[in-house]
Amino acid sequence: MAAGEKPLSEVNFLTVAEVAAVMRVSKMTVYRLVHSGHLPAVRVGRSFRVPENAVHDYLQQSYVGWESA
């Protein structure tokens, strides 16, 4: 385990539907992000689970702030 990482027992995983709701996008958009490697996920059976912190990290890295005039 690297510095700053939580043990798996403490990681909160979200379903694709939950990620879509948090990001306010469609489930297909979440699947595209997962398949392209932009959003890490764990495959559980036929479904995916995304670590909650990965969603927040993705949104923070993708954030485009307002430029002051």
PDB file of N, CA and C in Angstrom:
ATOM      1  N   MET A   1       0.848  -1.176   0.000  1.00  0.00           N
ATOM      2  CA  MET A   1       0.000   0.000   0.000  1.00  0.00           C
ATOM      3  C   MET A   1       0.894   1.239   0.000  1.00  0.00           C
ATOM      4  N   ALA A   2       0.638   2.146  -0.926  1.00  0.00           N
ATOM      5  CA  ALA A   2       1.421   3.372  -1.046  1.00  0.00           C
ATOM      6  C   ALA A   2       0.976   4.384   0.012  1.00  0.00           C
ATOM      7  N   ALA A   3       1.825   5.365   0.240  1.00  0.00           N
ATOM      8  CA  ALA A   3       1.511   6.390   1.227  1.00  0.00           C
ATOM      9  C   ALA A   3       0.251   7.139   0.819  1.00  0.00           C
ATOM     10  N   GLY A   4      -0.637   7.371   1.775  1.00  0.00           N
ATOM     11  CA  GLY A   4      -1.856   8.112   1.502  1.00  0.00           C
ATOM     12  C   GLY A   4      -3.012   7.272   0.979  1.00  0.00           C
ATOM     13  N   GLU A   5      -2.796   5.990   0.717  1.00  0.00           N
ATOM     14  CA  GLU A   5      -3.871   5.125   0.229  1.00  0.00           C
ATOM     15  C   GLU A   5      -4.586   4.470   1.398  1.00  0.00           C
ATOM     16  N   LYS A   6      -5.902   4.293   1.231  1.00  0.00           N
ATOM     17  CA  LYS A   6      -6.699   3.624   2.255  1.00  0.00           C
ATOM     18  C   LYS A   6      -6.663   2.121   2.008  1.00  0.00           C
ATOM     19  N   PRO A   7      -6.793   1.326   3.074  1.00  0.00           N
ATOM     20  CA  PRO A   7      -6.967  -0.115   2.861  1.00  0.00           C
ATOM     21  C   PRO A   7      -8.298  -0.356   2.141  1.00  0.00           C
ATOM     22  N   LEU A   8      -8.385  -1.438   1.380  1.00  0.00           N
ATOM     23  CA  LEU A   8      -9.592  -1.718   0.608  1.00  0.00           C
ATOM     24  C   LEU A   8     -10.845  -1.770   1.466  1.00  0.00           C
ATOM     25  N   SER A   9     -10.705  -2.173   2.708  1.00  0.00           N
ATOM     26  CA  SER A   9     -11.879  -2.249   3.579  1.00  0.00           C
ATOM     27  C   SER A   9     -12.467  -0.870   3.873  1.00  0.00           C
ATOM     28  N   GLU A  10     -11.703   0.190   3.647  1.00  0.00           N
ATOM     29  CA  GLU A  10     -12.171   1.547   3.920  1.00  0.00           C
ATOM     30  C   GLU A  10     -12.548   2.308   2.655  1.00  0.00           C
ATOM     31  N   VAL A  11     -12.356   1.715   1.480  1.00  0.00           N
ATOM     32  CA  VAL A  11     -12.671   2.380   0.221  1.00  0.00           C
ATOM     33  C   VAL A  11     -14.157   2.225  -0.063  1.00  0.00           C
ATOM     34  N   ASN A  12     -14.812   3.329  -0.402  1.00  0.00           N
ATOM     35  CA  ASN A  12     -16.222   3.290  -0.791  1.00  0.00           C
ATOM     36  C   ASN A  12     -16.306   3.140  -2.305  1.00  0.00           C
ATOM     37  N   PHE A  13     -17.020   2.123  -2.745  1.00  0.00           N
ATOM     38  CA  PHE A  13     -17.196   1.892  -4.169  1.00  0.00           C
ATOM     39  C   PHE A  13     -18.595   2.310  -4.592  1.00  0.00           C
ATOM     40  N   LEU A  14     -18.694   2.923  -5.772  1.00  0.00           N
ATOM     41  CA  LEU A  14     -19.969   3.360  -6.311  1.00  0.00           C
ATOM     42  C   LEU A  14     -20.316   2.548  -7.549  1.00  0.00           C
ATOM     43  N   THR A  15     -21.609   2.349  -7.778  1.00  0.00           N
ATOM     44  CA  THR A  15     -22.049   1.710  -9.010  1.00  0.00           C
ATOM     45  C   THR A  15     -21.975   2.731 -10.145  1.00  0.00           C
ATOM     46  N   VAL A  16     -22.100   2.237 -11.366  1.00  0.00           N
ATOM     47  CA  VAL A  16     -22.088   3.131 -12.521  1.00  0.00           C
ATOM     48  C   VAL A  16     -23.247   4.132 -12.427  1.00  0.00           C
ATOM     49  N   ALA A  17     -24.409   3.669 -11.990  1.00  0.00           N
ATOM     50  CA  ALA A  17     -25.559   4.563 -11.848  1.00  0.00           C
ATOM     51  C   ALA A  17     -25.297   5.649 -10.806  1.00  0.00           C
ATOM     52  N   GLU A  18     -24.649   5.287  -9.705  1.00  0.00           N
ATOM     53  CA  GLU A  18     -24.327   6.271  -8.669  1.00  0.00           C
ATOM     54  C   GLU A  18     -23.315   7.290  -9.170  1.00  0.00           C
ATOM     55  N   VAL A  19     -22.310   6.823  -9.919  1.00  0.00           N
ATOM     56  CA  VAL A  19     -21.318   7.740 -10.491  1.00  0.00           C
ATOM     57  C   VAL A  19     -21.999   8.694 -11.457  1.00  0.00           C
ATOM     58  N   ALA A  20     -22.888   8.173 -12.290  1.00  0.00           N
ATOM     59  CA  ALA A  20     -23.610   9.003 -13.248  1.00  0.00           C
ATOM     60  C   ALA A  20     -24.424  10.078 -12.526  1.00  0.00           C
ATOM     61  N   ALA A  21     -25.042   9.721 -11.410  1.00  0.00           N
ATOM     62  CA  ALA A  21     -25.829  10.687 -10.648  1.00  0.00           C
ATOM     63  C   ALA A  21     -24.938  11.771 -10.041  1.00  0.00           C
ATOM     64  N   VAL A  22     -23.787  11.373  -9.504  1.00  0.00           N
ATOM     65  CA  VAL A  22     -22.860  12.343  -8.905  1.00  0.00           C
ATOM     66  C   VAL A  22     -22.334  13.306  -9.959  1.00  0.00           C
ATOM     67  N   MET A  23     -21.989  12.762 -11.128  1.00  0.00           N
ATOM     68  CA  MET A  23     -21.407  13.583 -12.192  1.00  0.00           C
ATOM     69  C   MET A  23     -22.468  14.267 -13.062  1.00  0.00           C
ATOM     70  N   ARG A  24     -23.732  13.865 -12.882  1.00  0.00           N
ATOM     71  CA  ARG A  24     -24.842  14.380 -13.684  1.00  0.00           C
ATOM     72  C   ARG A  24     -24.615  14.153 -15.175  1.00  0.00           C
ATOM     73  N   VAL A  25     -24.260  12.903 -15.487  1.00  0.00           N
ATOM     74  CA  VAL A  25     -24.090  12.460 -16.867  1.00  0.00           C
ATOM     75  C   VAL A  25     -24.834  11.138 -17.023  1.00  0.00           C
ATOM     76  N   SER A  26     -24.874  10.620 -18.234  1.00  0.00           N
ATOM     77  CA  SER A  26     -25.540   9.338 -18.456  1.00  0.00           C
ATOM     78  C   SER A  26     -24.640   8.183 -18.025  1.00  0.00           C
ATOM     79  N   LYS A  27     -25.255   7.022 -17.834  1.00  0.00           N
ATOM     80  CA  LYS A  27     -24.477   5.828 -17.497  1.00  0.00           C
ATOM     81  C   LYS A  27     -23.525   5.481 -18.637  1.00  0.00           C
ATOM     82  N   MET A  28     -23.938   5.710 -19.892  1.00  0.00           N
ATOM     83  CA  MET A  28     -23.074   5.422 -21.040  1.00  0.00           C
ATOM     84  C   MET A  28     -21.801   6.266 -20.984  1.00  0.00           C
ATOM     85  N   THR A  29     -21.902   7.499 -20.548  1.00  0.00           N
ATOM     86  CA  THR A  29     -20.716   8.350 -20.410  1.00  0.00           C
ATOM     87  C   THR A  29     -19.761   7.764 -19.381  1.00  0.00           C
ATOM     88  N   VAL A  30     -20.293   7.255 -18.284  1.00  0.00           N
ATOM     89  CA  VAL A  30     -19.454   6.634 -17.257  1.00  0.00           C
ATOM     90  C   VAL A  30     -18.769   5.395 -17.832  1.00  0.00           C
ATOM     91  N   TYR A  31     -19.528   4.559 -18.556  1.00  0.00           N
ATOM     92  CA  TYR A  31     -18.920   3.380 -19.185  1.00  0.00           C
ATOM     93  C   TYR A  31     -17.805   3.782 -20.136  1.00  0.00           C
ATOM     94  N   ARG A  32     -17.998   4.851 -20.894  1.00  0.00           N
ATOM     95  CA  ARG A  32     -16.945   5.313 -21.813  1.00  0.00           C
ATOM     96  C   ARG A  32     -15.696   5.744 -21.049  1.00  0.00           C
ATOM     97  N   LEU A  33     -15.886   6.453 -19.943  1.00  0.00           N
ATOM     98  CA  LEU A  33     -14.744   6.880 -19.127  1.00  0.00           C
ATOM     99  C   LEU A  33     -14.004   5.686 -18.546  1.00  0.00           C
ATOM    100  N   VAL A  34     -14.746   4.672 -18.121  1.00  0.00           N
ATOM    101  CA  VAL A  34     -14.121   3.475 -17.562  1.00  0.00           C
ATOM    102  C   VAL A  34     -13.349   2.726 -18.643  1.00  0.00           C
ATOM    103  N   HIS A  35     -13.992   2.499 -19.795  1.00  0.00           N
ATOM    104  CA  HIS A  35     -13.347   1.733 -20.865  1.00  0.00           C
ATOM    105  C   HIS A  35     -12.145   2.467 -21.471  1.00  0.00           C
ATOM    106  N   SER A  36     -12.168   3.794 -21.462  1.00  0.00           N
ATOM    107  CA  SER A  36     -11.040   4.556 -22.008  1.00  0.00           C
ATOM    108  C   SER A  36      -9.885   4.668 -21.017  1.00  0.00           C
ATOM    109  N   GLY A  37     -10.140   4.288 -19.752  1.00  0.00           N
ATOM    110  CA  GLY A  37      -9.085   4.354 -18.749  1.00  0.00           C
ATOM    111  C   GLY A  37      -9.022   5.675 -18.000  1.00  0.00           C
ATOM    112  N   HIS A  38      -9.933   6.598 -18.299  1.00  0.00           N
ATOM    113  CA  HIS A  38      -9.942   7.884 -17.610  1.00  0.00           C
ATOM    114  C   HIS A  38     -10.487   7.782 -16.189  1.00  0.00           C
ATOM    115  N   LEU A  39     -11.297   6.763 -15.951  1.00  0.00           N
ATOM    116  CA  LEU A  39     -11.878   6.556 -14.633  1.00  0.00           C
ATOM    117  C   LEU A  39     -11.604   5.113 -14.219  1.00  0.00           C
ATOM    118  N   PRO A  40     -10.796   4.910 -13.174  1.00  0.00           N
ATOM    119  CA  PRO A  40     -10.473   3.539 -12.761  1.00  0.00           C
ATOM    120  C   PRO A  40     -11.699   2.838 -12.183  1.00  0.00           C
ATOM    121  N   ALA A  41     -11.787   1.545 -12.421  1.00  0.00           N
ATOM    122  CA  ALA A  41     -12.914   0.768 -11.918  1.00  0.00           C
ATOM    123  C   ALA A  41     -12.489  -0.667 -11.677  1.00  0.00           C
ATOM    124  N   VAL A  42     -13.278  -1.355 -10.863  1.00  0.00           N
ATOM    125  CA  VAL A  42     -13.068  -2.761 -10.570  1.00  0.00           C
ATOM    126  C   VAL A  42     -14.260  -3.501 -11.161  1.00  0.00           C
ATOM    127  N   ARG A  43     -13.975  -4.581 -11.859  1.00  0.00           N
ATOM    128  CA  ARG A  43     -15.063  -5.373 -12.434  1.00  0.00           C
ATOM    129  C   ARG A  43     -15.505  -6.413 -11.407  1.00  0.00           C
ATOM    130  N   VAL A  44     -16.808  -6.412 -11.132  1.00  0.00           N
ATOM    131  CA  VAL A  44     -17.396  -7.373 -10.203  1.00  0.00           C
ATOM    132  C   VAL A  44     -18.472  -8.115 -10.984  1.00  0.00           C
ATOM    133  N   GLY A  45     -18.156  -9.337 -11.366  1.00  0.00           N
ATOM    134  CA  GLY A  45     -19.085 -10.066 -12.223  1.00  0.00           C
ATOM    135  C   GLY A  45     -19.198  -9.369 -13.565  1.00  0.00           C
ATOM    136  N   ARG A  46     -20.410  -8.972 -13.919  1.00  0.00           N
ATOM    137  CA  ARG A  46     -20.630  -8.282 -15.187  1.00  0.00           C
ATOM    138  C   ARG A  46     -20.760  -6.775 -15.004  1.00  0.00           C
ATOM    139  N   SER A  47     -20.586  -6.284 -13.788  1.00  0.00           N
ATOM    140  CA  SER A  47     -20.744  -4.860 -13.528  1.00  0.00           C
ATOM    141  C   SER A  47     -19.429  -4.245 -13.060  1.00  0.00           C
ATOM    142  N   PHE A  48     -19.413  -2.933 -12.990  1.00  0.00           N
ATOM    143  CA  PHE A  48     -18.227  -2.193 -12.552  1.00  0.00           C
ATOM    144  C   PHE A  48     -18.520  -1.474 -11.251  1.00  0.00           C
ATOM    145  N   ARG A  49     -17.486  -1.316 -10.448  1.00  0.00           N
ATOM    146  CA  ARG A  49     -17.547  -0.490  -9.246  1.00  0.00           C
ATOM    147  C   ARG A  49     -16.390   0.496  -9.328  1.00  0.00           C
ATOM    148  N   VAL A  50     -16.691   1.749  -9.037  1.00  0.00           N
ATOM    149  CA  VAL A  50     -15.709   2.822  -9.147  1.00  0.00           C
ATOM    150  C   VAL A  50     -15.418   3.360  -7.755  1.00  0.00           C
ATOM    151  N   PRO A  51     -14.138   3.460  -7.382  1.00  0.00           N
ATOM    152  CA  PRO A  51     -13.824   4.039  -6.070  1.00  0.00           C
ATOM    153  C   PRO A  51     -14.310   5.488  -5.998  1.00  0.00           C
ATOM    154  N   GLU A  52     -14.973   5.829  -4.911  1.00  0.00           N
ATOM    155  CA  GLU A  52     -15.547   7.167  -4.764  1.00  0.00           C
ATOM    156  C   GLU A  52     -14.482   8.254  -4.900  1.00  0.00           C
ATOM    157  N   ASN A  53     -13.299   8.020  -4.336  1.00  0.00           N
ATOM    158  CA  ASN A  53     -12.249   9.033  -4.429  1.00  0.00           C
ATOM    159  C   ASN A  53     -11.767   9.222  -5.872  1.00  0.00           C
ATOM    160  N   ALA A  54     -11.877   8.187  -6.709  1.00  0.00           N
ATOM    161  CA  ALA A  54     -11.481   8.309  -8.115  1.00  0.00           C
ATOM    162  C   ALA A  54     -12.425   9.246  -8.854  1.00  0.00           C
ATOM    163  N   VAL A  55     -13.697   9.220  -8.496  1.00  0.00           N
ATOM    164  CA  VAL A  55     -14.671  10.135  -9.113  1.00  0.00           C
ATOM    165  C   VAL A  55     -14.328  11.570  -8.736  1.00  0.00           C
ATOM    166  N   HIS A  56     -14.061  11.805  -7.463  1.00  0.00           N
ATOM    167  CA  HIS A  56     -13.725  13.148  -7.011  1.00  0.00           C
ATOM    168  C   HIS A  56     -12.404  13.623  -7.627  1.00  0.00           C
ATOM    169  N   ASP A  57     -11.420  12.739  -7.726  1.00  0.00           N
ATOM    170  CA  ASP A  57     -10.146  13.093  -8.352  1.00  0.00           C
ATOM    171  C   ASP A  57     -10.344  13.450  -9.822  1.00  0.00           C
ATOM    172  N   TYR A  58     -11.141  12.657 -10.536  1.00  0.00           N
ATOM    173  CA  TYR A  58     -11.397  12.917 -11.952  1.00  0.00           C
ATOM    174  C   TYR A  58     -12.061  14.277 -12.137  1.00  0.00           C
ATOM    175  N   LEU A  59     -13.071  14.565 -11.324  1.00  0.00           N
ATOM    176  CA  LEU A  59     -13.766  15.841 -11.436  1.00  0.00           C
ATOM    177  C   LEU A  59     -12.850  17.012 -11.095  1.00  0.00           C
ATOM    178  N   GLN A  60     -12.012  16.826 -10.096  1.00  0.00           N
ATOM    179  CA  GLN A  60     -11.105  17.899  -9.703  1.00  0.00           C
ATOM    180  C   GLN A  60     -10.065  18.171 -10.794  1.00  0.00           C
ATOM    181  N   GLN A  61      -9.535  17.114 -11.419  1.00  0.00           N
ATOM    182  CA  GLN A  61      -8.551  17.283 -12.484  1.00  0.00           C
ATOM    183  C   GLN A  61      -9.176  17.862 -13.740  1.00  0.00           C
ATOM    184  N   SER A  62     -10.459  17.604 -13.942  1.00  0.00           N
ATOM    185  CA  SER A  62     -11.148  18.074 -15.142  1.00  0.00           C
ATOM    186  C   SER A  62     -11.755  19.453 -14.969  1.00  0.00           C
ATOM    187  N   TYR A  63     -11.705  19.962 -13.768  1.00  0.00           N
ATOM    188  CA  TYR A  63     -12.346  21.238 -13.466  1.00  0.00           C
ATOM    189  C   TYR A  63     -11.719  22.372 -14.268  1.00  0.00           C
ATOM    190  N   VAL A  64     -12.580  23.165 -14.880  1.00  0.00           N
ATOM    191  CA  VAL A  64     -12.145  24.353 -15.608  1.00  0.00           C
ATOM    192  C   VAL A  64     -12.697  25.548 -14.836  1.00  0.00           C
ATOM    193  N   GLY A  65     -11.811  26.287 -14.185  1.00  0.00           N
ATOM    194  CA  GLY A  65     -12.248  27.406 -13.363  1.00  0.00           C
ATOM    195  C   GLY A  65     -12.603  28.620 -14.204  1.00  0.00           C
ATOM    196  N   TRP A  66     -13.321  29.513 -13.573  1.00  0.00           N
ATOM    197  CA  TRP A  66     -13.688  30.763 -14.239  1.00  0.00           C
ATOM    198  C   TRP A  66     -12.453  31.649 -14.343  1.00  0.00           C
ATOM    199  N   GLU A  67     -12.248  32.197 -15.509  1.00  0.00           N
ATOM    200  CA  GLU A  67     -11.137  33.131 -15.681  1.00  0.00           C
ATOM    201  C   GLU A  67     -11.626  34.527 -15.350  1.00  0.00           C
ATOM    202  N   SER A  68     -10.859  35.226 -14.533  1.00  0.00           N
ATOM    203  CA  SER A  68     -11.268  36.582 -14.173  1.00  0.00           C
ATOM    204  C   SER A  68     -10.933  37.547 -15.308  1.00  0.00           C
ATOM    205  N   ALA A  69     -11.817  38.494 -15.524  1.00  0.00           N
ATOM    206  CA  ALA A  69     -11.653  39.452 -16.631  1.00  0.00           C
ATOM    207  C   ALA A  69     -10.842  40.631 -16.206  1.00  0.00           C
TER     208      ALA A  69
END
